[in-house]
Amino acid sequence: MLQYWQQEYDYNYRHWRGEIATFRVQINKIMTTNLENYLSEELENIYQDAVYIVTEKTGLDQSVFSENSCYSLLQLLDKNWLPR
């Protein structure tokens, strides 16, 4: 969702990158095969929940976001990857 937030980007992007890094480190420490399978199976539902949360927080219209997640679980968990 970071890629969609242009308003106040310059002011907040480091904060959000830090949050993403923190979440990735935490989830990678507790990742099990079962959790990875669950996240893979639920990725689209998780994405829809994320879109809902972001639209509520930012006021962006839901139509701004793609209908389905554009990213794989491997990308989302990769500590060195961010969308362009």
PDB file of N, CA and C in Angstrom:
ATOM      1  N   MET A   1       0.809  -1.182   0.000  1.00  0.00           N
ATOM      2  CA  MET A   1       0.000   0.000   0.000  1.00  0.00           C
ATOM      3  C   MET A   1       0.865   1.264   0.000  1.00  0.00           C
ATOM      4  N   LEU A   2       2.111   1.105   0.396  1.00  0.00           N
ATOM      5  CA  LEU A   2       3.024   2.242   0.435  1.00  0.00           C
ATOM      6  C   LEU A   2       3.118   2.923  -0.924  1.00  0.00           C
ATOM      7  N   GLN A   3       3.082   2.155  -1.989  1.00  0.00           N
ATOM      8  CA  GLN A   3       3.234   2.731  -3.315  1.00  0.00           C
ATOM      9  C   GLN A   3       2.071   3.636  -3.706  1.00  0.00           C
ATOM     10  N   TYR A   4       0.910   3.484  -3.086  1.00  0.00           N
ATOM     11  CA  TYR A   4      -0.259   4.269  -3.449  1.00  0.00           C
ATOM     12  C   TYR A   4      -0.367   5.582  -2.673  1.00  0.00           C
ATOM     13  N   TRP A   5       0.374   5.698  -1.608  1.00  0.00           N
ATOM     14  CA  TRP A   5       0.210   6.854  -0.736  1.00  0.00           C
ATOM     15  C   TRP A   5       1.162   7.961  -1.136  1.00  0.00           C
ATOM     16  N   GLN A   6       0.689   8.907  -1.913  1.00  0.00           N
ATOM     17  CA  GLN A   6       1.520  10.008  -2.389  1.00  0.00           C
ATOM     18  C   GLN A   6       1.445  11.228  -1.469  1.00  0.00           C
ATOM     19  N   GLN A   7       0.274  11.434  -0.872  1.00  0.00           N
ATOM     20  CA  GLN A   7       0.109  12.561   0.027  1.00  0.00           C
ATOM     21  C   GLN A   7       0.984  12.343   1.263  1.00  0.00           C
ATOM     22  N   GLU A   8       1.809  13.302   1.583  1.00  0.00           N
ATOM     23  CA  GLU A   8       2.721  13.259   2.725  1.00  0.00           C
ATOM     24  C   GLU A   8       3.796  12.179   2.584  1.00  0.00           C
ATOM     25  N   TYR A   9       4.019  11.696   1.384  1.00  0.00           N
ATOM     26  CA  TYR A   9       5.007  10.637   1.163  1.00  0.00           C
ATOM     27  C   TYR A   9       6.379  11.054   1.671  1.00  0.00           C
ATOM     28  N   ASP A  10       6.835  12.243   1.253  1.00  0.00           N
ATOM     29  CA  ASP A  10       8.170  12.683   1.642  1.00  0.00           C
ATOM     30  C   ASP A  10       8.326  12.768   3.154  1.00  0.00           C
ATOM     31  N   TYR A  11       7.268  13.098   3.833  1.00  0.00           N
ATOM     32  CA  TYR A  11       7.300  13.253   5.282  1.00  0.00           C
ATOM     33  C   TYR A  11       7.282  11.910   6.008  1.00  0.00           C
ATOM     34  N   ASN A  12       6.579  10.935   5.475  1.00  0.00           N
ATOM     35  CA  ASN A  12       6.328   9.693   6.209  1.00  0.00           C
ATOM     36  C   ASN A  12       6.950   8.424   5.637  1.00  0.00           C
ATOM     37  N   TYR A  13       7.564   8.495   4.461  1.00  0.00           N
ATOM     38  CA  TYR A  13       7.966   7.234   3.837  1.00  0.00           C
ATOM     39  C   TYR A  13       8.996   6.469   4.660  1.00  0.00           C
ATOM     40  N   ARG A  14       9.902   7.138   5.347  1.00  0.00           N
ATOM     41  CA  ARG A  14      10.890   6.429   6.168  1.00  0.00           C
ATOM     42  C   ARG A  14      10.211   5.708   7.333  1.00  0.00           C
ATOM     43  N   HIS A  15       9.218   6.361   7.928  1.00  0.00           N
ATOM     44  CA  HIS A  15       8.472   5.728   9.009  1.00  0.00           C
ATOM     45  C   HIS A  15       7.819   4.444   8.511  1.00  0.00           C
ATOM     46  N   TRP A  16       7.147   4.506   7.358  1.00  0.00           N
ATOM     47  CA  TRP A  16       6.452   3.330   6.839  1.00  0.00           C
ATOM     48  C   TRP A  16       7.422   2.247   6.406  1.00  0.00           C
ATOM     49  N   ARG A  17       8.560   2.637   5.849  1.00  0.00           N
ATOM     50  CA  ARG A  17       9.568   1.627   5.502  1.00  0.00           C
ATOM     51  C   ARG A  17      10.080   0.935   6.759  1.00  0.00           C
ATOM     52  N   GLY A  18      10.237   1.692   7.835  1.00  0.00           N
ATOM     53  CA  GLY A  18      10.646   1.112   9.109  1.00  0.00           C
ATOM     54  C   GLY A  18       9.610   0.148   9.652  1.00  0.00           C
ATOM     55  N   GLU A  19       8.331   0.515   9.532  1.00  0.00           N
ATOM     56  CA  GLU A  19       7.254  -0.370   9.974  1.00  0.00           C
ATOM     57  C   GLU A  19       7.258  -1.671   9.172  1.00  0.00           C
ATOM     58  N   ILE A  20       7.425  -1.558   7.872  1.00  0.00           N
ATOM     59  CA  ILE A  20       7.454  -2.744   7.010  1.00  0.00           C
ATOM     60  C   ILE A  20       8.627  -3.632   7.398  1.00  0.00           C
ATOM     61  N   ALA A  21       9.802  -3.033   7.600  1.00  0.00           N
ATOM     62  CA  ALA A  21      10.980  -3.805   7.994  1.00  0.00           C
ATOM     63  C   ALA A  21      10.744  -4.529   9.317  1.00  0.00           C
ATOM     64  N   THR A  22      10.154  -3.831  10.283  1.00  0.00           N
ATOM     65  CA  THR A  22       9.880  -4.435  11.591  1.00  0.00           C
ATOM     66  C   THR A  22       8.942  -5.624  11.462  1.00  0.00           C
ATOM     67  N   PHE A  23       7.860  -5.457  10.716  1.00  0.00           N
ATOM     68  CA  PHE A  23       6.902  -6.551  10.543  1.00  0.00           C
ATOM     69  C   PHE A  23       7.555  -7.749   9.855  1.00  0.00           C
ATOM     70  N   ARG A  24       8.381  -7.480   8.843  1.00  0.00           N
ATOM     71  CA  ARG A  24       9.034  -8.584   8.133  1.00  0.00           C
ATOM     72  C   ARG A  24       9.988  -9.344   9.035  1.00  0.00           C
ATOM     73  N   VAL A  25      10.776  -8.648   9.818  1.00  0.00           N
ATOM     74  CA  VAL A  25      11.694  -9.321  10.736  1.00  0.00           C
ATOM     75  C   VAL A  25      10.907 -10.170  11.728  1.00  0.00           C
ATOM     76  N   GLN A  26       9.845  -9.613  12.284  1.00  0.00           N
ATOM     77  CA  GLN A  26       9.046 -10.338  13.264  1.00  0.00           C
ATOM     78  C   GLN A  26       8.410 -11.587  12.672  1.00  0.00           C
ATOM     79  N   ILE A  27       7.792 -11.454  11.504  1.00  0.00           N
ATOM     80  CA  ILE A  27       7.094 -12.609  10.931  1.00  0.00           C
ATOM     81  C   ILE A  27       8.083 -13.673  10.457  1.00  0.00           C
ATOM     82  N   ASN A  28       9.235 -13.250   9.944  1.00  0.00           N
ATOM     83  CA  ASN A  28      10.220 -14.238   9.507  1.00  0.00           C
ATOM     84  C   ASN A  28      10.800 -15.017  10.684  1.00  0.00           C
ATOM     85  N   LYS A  29      10.817 -14.430  11.867  1.00  0.00           N
ATOM     86  CA  LYS A  29      11.317 -15.132  13.057  1.00  0.00           C
ATOM     87  C   LYS A  29      10.349 -16.222  13.520  1.00  0.00           C
ATOM     88  N   ILE A  30       9.063 -16.039  13.270  1.00  0.00           N
ATOM     89  CA  ILE A  30       8.077 -17.020  13.743  1.00  0.00           C
ATOM     90  C   ILE A  30       7.525 -17.891  12.617  1.00  0.00           C
ATOM     91  N   MET A  31       8.032 -17.705  11.398  1.00  0.00           N
ATOM     92  CA  MET A  31       7.496 -18.424  10.248  1.00  0.00           C
ATOM     93  C   MET A  31       7.697 -19.928  10.383  1.00  0.00           C
ATOM     94  N   THR A  32       6.635 -20.641  10.216  1.00  0.00           N
ATOM     95  CA  THR A  32       6.660 -22.099  10.155  1.00  0.00           C
ATOM     96  C   THR A  32       6.073 -22.497   8.809  1.00  0.00           C
ATOM     97  N   THR A  33       6.210 -23.749   8.472  1.00  0.00           N
ATOM     98  CA  THR A  33       5.616 -24.238   7.225  1.00  0.00           C
ATOM     99  C   THR A  33       4.105 -24.052   7.248  1.00  0.00           C
ATOM    100  N   ASN A  34       3.482 -24.342   8.378  1.00  0.00           N
ATOM    101  CA  ASN A  34       2.028 -24.182   8.482  1.00  0.00           C
ATOM    102  C   ASN A  34       1.616 -22.730   8.313  1.00  0.00           C
ATOM    103  N   LEU A  35       2.347 -21.815   8.945  1.00  0.00           N
ATOM    104  CA  LEU A  35       2.015 -20.396   8.815  1.00  0.00           C
ATOM    105  C   LEU A  35       2.220 -19.921   7.381  1.00  0.00           C
ATOM    106  N   GLU A  36       3.302 -20.354   6.763  1.00  0.00           N
ATOM    107  CA  GLU A  36       3.557 -19.981   5.368  1.00  0.00           C
ATOM    108  C   GLU A  36       2.453 -20.500   4.448  1.00  0.00           C
ATOM    109  N   ASN A  37       2.021 -21.734   4.665  1.00  0.00           N
ATOM    110  CA  ASN A  37       0.931 -22.292   3.865  1.00  0.00           C
ATOM    111  C   ASN A  37      -0.355 -21.504   4.075  1.00  0.00           C
ATOM    112  N   TYR A  38      -0.642 -21.181   5.326  1.00  0.00           N
ATOM    113  CA  TYR A  38      -1.846 -20.404   5.637  1.00  0.00           C
ATOM    114  C   TYR A  38      -1.804 -19.040   4.950  1.00  0.00           C
ATOM    115  N   LEU A  39      -0.681 -18.339   5.074  1.00  0.00           N
ATOM    116  CA  LEU A  39      -0.565 -17.018   4.453  1.00  0.00           C
ATOM    117  C   LEU A  39      -0.694 -17.106   2.936  1.00  0.00           C
ATOM    118  N   SER A  40      -0.119 -18.130   2.340  1.00  0.00           N
ATOM    119  CA  SER A  40      -0.227 -18.322   0.885  1.00  0.00           C
ATOM    120  C   SER A  40      -1.677 -18.532   0.472  1.00  0.00           C
ATOM    121  N   GLU A  41      -2.383 -19.355   1.233  1.00  0.00           N
ATOM    122  CA  GLU A  41      -3.785 -19.642   0.919  1.00  0.00           C
ATOM    123  C   GLU A  41      -4.684 -18.420   1.151  1.00  0.00           C
ATOM    124  N   GLU A  42      -4.356 -17.612   2.117  1.00  0.00           N
ATOM    125  CA  GLU A  42      -5.194 -16.475   2.505  1.00  0.00           C
ATOM    126  C   GLU A  42      -4.728 -15.132   1.950  1.00  0.00           C
ATOM    127  N   LEU A  43      -3.727 -15.136   1.093  1.00  0.00           N
ATOM    128  CA  LEU A  43      -3.131 -13.889   0.624  1.00  0.00           C
ATOM    129  C   LEU A  43      -4.160 -12.921   0.037  1.00  0.00           C
ATOM    130  N   GLU A  44      -5.075 -13.408  -0.768  1.00  0.00           N
ATOM    131  CA  GLU A  44      -6.075 -12.511  -1.371  1.00  0.00           C
ATOM    132  C   GLU A  44      -7.012 -11.931  -0.314  1.00  0.00           C
ATOM    133  N   ASN A  45      -7.408 -12.730   0.662  1.00  0.00           N
ATOM    134  CA  ASN A  45      -8.253 -12.206   1.739  1.00  0.00           C
ATOM    135  C   ASN A  45      -7.502 -11.179   2.572  1.00  0.00           C
ATOM    136  N   ILE A  46      -6.246 -11.452   2.836  1.00  0.00           N
ATOM    137  CA  ILE A  46      -5.414 -10.511   3.586  1.00  0.00           C
ATOM    138  C   ILE A  46      -5.285  -9.209   2.804  1.00  0.00           C
ATOM    139  N   TYR A  47      -5.092  -9.327   1.503  1.00  0.00           N
ATOM    140  CA  TYR A  47      -4.990  -8.136   0.654  1.00  0.00           C
ATOM    141  C   TYR A  47      -6.284  -7.316   0.707  1.00  0.00           C
ATOM    142  N   GLN A  48      -7.419  -7.961   0.598  1.00  0.00           N
ATOM    143  CA  GLN A  48      -8.691  -7.240   0.652  1.00  0.00           C
ATOM    144  C   GLN A  48      -8.870  -6.531   1.999  1.00  0.00           C
ATOM    145  N   ASP A  49      -8.470  -7.182   3.082  1.00  0.00           N
ATOM    146  CA  ASP A  49      -8.520  -6.539   4.393  1.00  0.00           C
ATOM    147  C   ASP A  49      -7.592  -5.324   4.439  1.00  0.00           C
ATOM    148  N   ALA A  50      -6.406  -5.464   3.855  1.00  0.00           N
ATOM    149  CA  ALA A  50      -5.452  -4.354   3.834  1.00  0.00           C
ATOM    150  C   ALA A  50      -5.997  -3.171   3.038  1.00  0.00           C
ATOM    151  N   VAL A  51      -6.626  -3.442   1.904  1.00  0.00           N
ATOM    152  CA  VAL A  51      -7.231  -2.366   1.114  1.00  0.00           C
ATOM    153  C   VAL A  51      -8.297  -1.653   1.934  1.00  0.00           C
ATOM    154  N   TYR A  52      -9.116  -2.403   2.616  1.00  0.00           N
ATOM    155  CA  TYR A  52     -10.159  -1.804   3.465  1.00  0.00           C
ATOM    156  C   TYR A  52      -9.535  -0.897   4.535  1.00  0.00           C
ATOM    157  N   ILE A  53      -8.520  -1.392   5.212  1.00  0.00           N
ATOM    158  CA  ILE A  53      -7.884  -0.607   6.268  1.00  0.00           C
ATOM    159  C   ILE A  53      -7.252   0.661   5.704  1.00  0.00           C
ATOM    160  N   VAL A  54      -6.551   0.526   4.590  1.00  0.00           N
ATOM    161  CA  VAL A  54      -5.886   1.687   3.996  1.00  0.00           C
ATOM    162  C   VAL A  54      -6.898   2.730   3.519  1.00  0.00           C
ATOM    163  N   THR A  55      -7.993   2.293   2.921  1.00  0.00           N
ATOM    164  CA  THR A  55      -8.985   3.266   2.467  1.00  0.00           C
ATOM    165  C   THR A  55      -9.621   3.987   3.649  1.00  0.00           C
ATOM    166  N   GLU A  56      -9.809   3.295   4.747  1.00  0.00           N
ATOM    167  CA  GLU A  56     -10.354   3.933   5.945  1.00  0.00           C
ATOM    168  C   GLU A  56      -9.365   4.940   6.533  1.00  0.00           C
ATOM    169  N   LYS A  57      -8.089   4.585   6.552  1.00  0.00           N
ATOM    170  CA  LYS A  57      -7.074   5.445   7.157  1.00  0.00           C
ATOM    171  C   LYS A  57      -6.742   6.662   6.302  1.00  0.00           C
ATOM    172  N   THR A  58      -6.755   6.495   4.989  1.00  0.00           N
ATOM    173  CA  THR A  58      -6.252   7.551   4.104  1.00  0.00           C
ATOM    174  C   THR A  58      -7.339   8.337   3.390  1.00  0.00           C
ATOM    175  N   GLY A  59      -8.519   7.746   3.279  1.00  0.00           N
ATOM    176  CA  GLY A  59      -9.569   8.390   2.501  1.00  0.00           C
ATOM    177  C   GLY A  59      -9.443   8.147   1.007  1.00  0.00           C
ATOM    178  N   LEU A  60      -8.461   7.340   0.596  1.00  0.00           N
ATOM    179  CA  LEU A  60      -8.336   6.998  -0.821  1.00  0.00           C
ATOM    180  C   LEU A  60      -9.533   6.159  -1.240  1.00  0.00           C
ATOM    181  N   ASP A  61      -9.940   6.302  -2.487  1.00  0.00           N
ATOM    182  CA  ASP A  61     -11.028   5.505  -3.017  1.00  0.00           C
ATOM    183  C   ASP A  61     -10.527   4.094  -3.296  1.00  0.00           C
ATOM    184  N   GLN A  62     -11.360   3.119  -3.037  1.00  0.00           N
ATOM    185  CA  GLN A  62     -10.990   1.717  -3.238  1.00  0.00           C
ATOM    186  C   GLN A  62     -10.615   1.433  -4.685  1.00  0.00           C
ATOM    187  N   SER A  63     -11.141   2.201  -5.619  1.00  0.00           N
ATOM    188  CA  SER A  63     -10.840   1.980  -7.039  1.00  0.00           C
ATOM    189  C   SER A  63      -9.380   2.281  -7.382  1.00  0.00           C
ATOM    190  N   VAL A  64      -8.656   2.956  -6.498  1.00  0.00           N
ATOM    191  CA  VAL A  64      -7.240   3.249  -6.709  1.00  0.00           C
ATOM    192  C   VAL A  64      -6.417   1.960  -6.709  1.00  0.00           C
ATOM    193  N   PHE A  65      -6.865   0.976  -5.968  1.00  0.00           N
ATOM    194  CA  PHE A  65      -6.110  -0.254  -5.770  1.00  0.00           C
ATOM    195  C   PHE A  65      -6.516  -1.321  -6.772  1.00  0.00           C
ATOM    196  N   SER A  66      -5.557  -2.184  -7.098  1.00  0.00           N
ATOM    197  CA  SER A  66      -5.883  -3.296  -7.988  1.00  0.00           C
ATOM    198  C   SER A  66      -6.855  -4.225  -7.268  1.00  0.00           C
ATOM    199  N   GLU A  67      -7.614  -4.949  -8.057  1.00  0.00           N
ATOM    200  CA  GLU A  67      -8.624  -5.836  -7.498  1.00  0.00           C
ATOM    201  C   GLU A  67      -8.003  -6.991  -6.712  1.00  0.00           C
ATOM    202  N   ASN A  68      -6.845  -7.442  -7.171  1.00  0.00           N
ATOM    203  CA  ASN A  68      -6.148  -8.556  -6.515  1.00  0.00           C
ATOM    204  C   ASN A  68      -4.725  -8.140  -6.185  1.00  0.00           C
ATOM    205  N   SER A  69      -4.131  -8.836  -5.246  1.00  0.00           N
ATOM    206  CA  SER A  69      -2.751  -8.552  -4.860  1.00  0.00           C
ATOM    207  C   SER A  69      -1.827  -8.726  -6.065  1.00  0.00           C
ATOM    208  N   CYS A  70      -0.921  -7.794  -6.233  1.00  0.00           N
ATOM    209  CA  CYS A  70       0.039  -7.846  -7.338  1.00  0.00           C
ATOM    210  C   CYS A  70       1.346  -8.512  -6.921  1.00  0.00           C
ATOM    211  N   TYR A  71       1.440  -8.910  -5.665  1.00  0.00           N
ATOM    212  CA  TYR A  71       2.699  -9.392  -5.124  1.00  0.00           C
ATOM    213  C   TYR A  71       2.567 -10.798  -4.568  1.00  0.00           C
ATOM    214  N   SER A  72       3.648 -11.532  -4.648  1.00  0.00           N
ATOM    215  CA  SER A  72       3.671 -12.880  -4.084  1.00  0.00           C
ATOM    216  C   SER A  72       4.029 -12.791  -2.605  1.00  0.00           C
ATOM    217  N   LEU A  73       3.755 -13.861  -1.885  1.00  0.00           N
ATOM    218  CA  LEU A  73       4.125 -13.915  -0.475  1.00  0.00           C
ATOM    219  C   LEU A  73       5.634 -13.794  -0.323  1.00  0.00           C
ATOM    220  N   LEU A  74       6.391 -14.421  -1.224  1.00  0.00           N
ATOM    221  CA  LEU A  74       7.850 -14.324  -1.154  1.00  0.00           C
ATOM    222  C   LEU A  74       8.316 -12.876  -1.258  1.00  0.00           C
ATOM    223  N   GLN A  75       7.718 -12.098  -2.154  1.00  0.00           N
ATOM    224  CA  GLN A  75       8.067 -10.687  -2.263  1.00  0.00           C
ATOM    225  C   GLN A  75       7.723  -9.949  -0.977  1.00  0.00           C
ATOM    226  N   LEU A  76       6.532 -10.176  -0.471  1.00  0.00           N
ATOM    227  CA  LEU A  76       6.075  -9.455   0.703  1.00  0.00           C
ATOM    228  C   LEU A  76       6.926  -9.730   1.939  1.00  0.00           C
ATOM    229  N   LEU A  77       7.520 -10.920   2.009  1.00  0.00           N
ATOM    230  CA  LEU A  77       8.333 -11.280   3.167  1.00  0.00           C
ATOM    231  C   LEU A  77       9.821 -11.013   2.971  1.00  0.00           C
ATOM    232  N   ASP A  78      10.218 -10.685   1.759  1.00  0.00           N
ATOM    233  CA  ASP A  78      11.626 -10.432   1.439  1.00  0.00           C
ATOM    234  C   ASP A  78      12.072  -9.109   2.058  1.00  0.00           C
ATOM    235  N   LYS A  79      13.070  -9.167   2.943  1.00  0.00           N
ATOM    236  CA  LYS A  79      13.534  -7.973   3.658  1.00  0.00           C
ATOM    237  C   LYS A  79      14.111  -6.919   2.723  1.00  0.00           C
ATOM    238  N   ASN A  80      14.518  -7.298   1.519  1.00  0.00           N
ATOM    239  CA  ASN A  80      15.156  -6.345   0.602  1.00  0.00           C
ATOM    240  C   ASN A  80      14.243  -5.870  -0.516  1.00  0.00           C
ATOM    241  N   TRP A  81      12.975  -6.254  -0.493  1.00  0.00           N
ATOM    242  CA  TRP A  81      12.077  -5.914  -1.590  1.00  0.00           C
ATOM    243  C   TRP A  81      11.052  -4.870  -1.164  1.00  0.00           C
ATOM    244  N   LEU A  82      10.847  -3.877  -2.011  1.00  0.00           N
ATOM    245  CA  LEU A  82       9.744  -2.926  -1.882  1.00  0.00           C
ATOM    246  C   LEU A  82       9.202  -2.669  -3.276  1.00  0.00           C
ATOM    247  N   PRO A  83       7.912  -2.426  -3.390  1.00  0.00           N
ATOM    248  CA  PRO A  83       7.356  -2.109  -4.720  1.00  0.00           C
ATOM    249  C   PRO A  83       7.932  -0.795  -5.228  1.00  0.00           C
ATOM    250  N   ARG A  84       7.972  -0.663  -6.506  1.00  0.00           N
ATOM    251  CA  ARG A  84       8.492   0.574  -7.116  1.00  0.00           C
ATOM    252  C   ARG A  84       7.403   1.573  -7.328  1.00  0.00           C
TER     253      ARG A  84
END
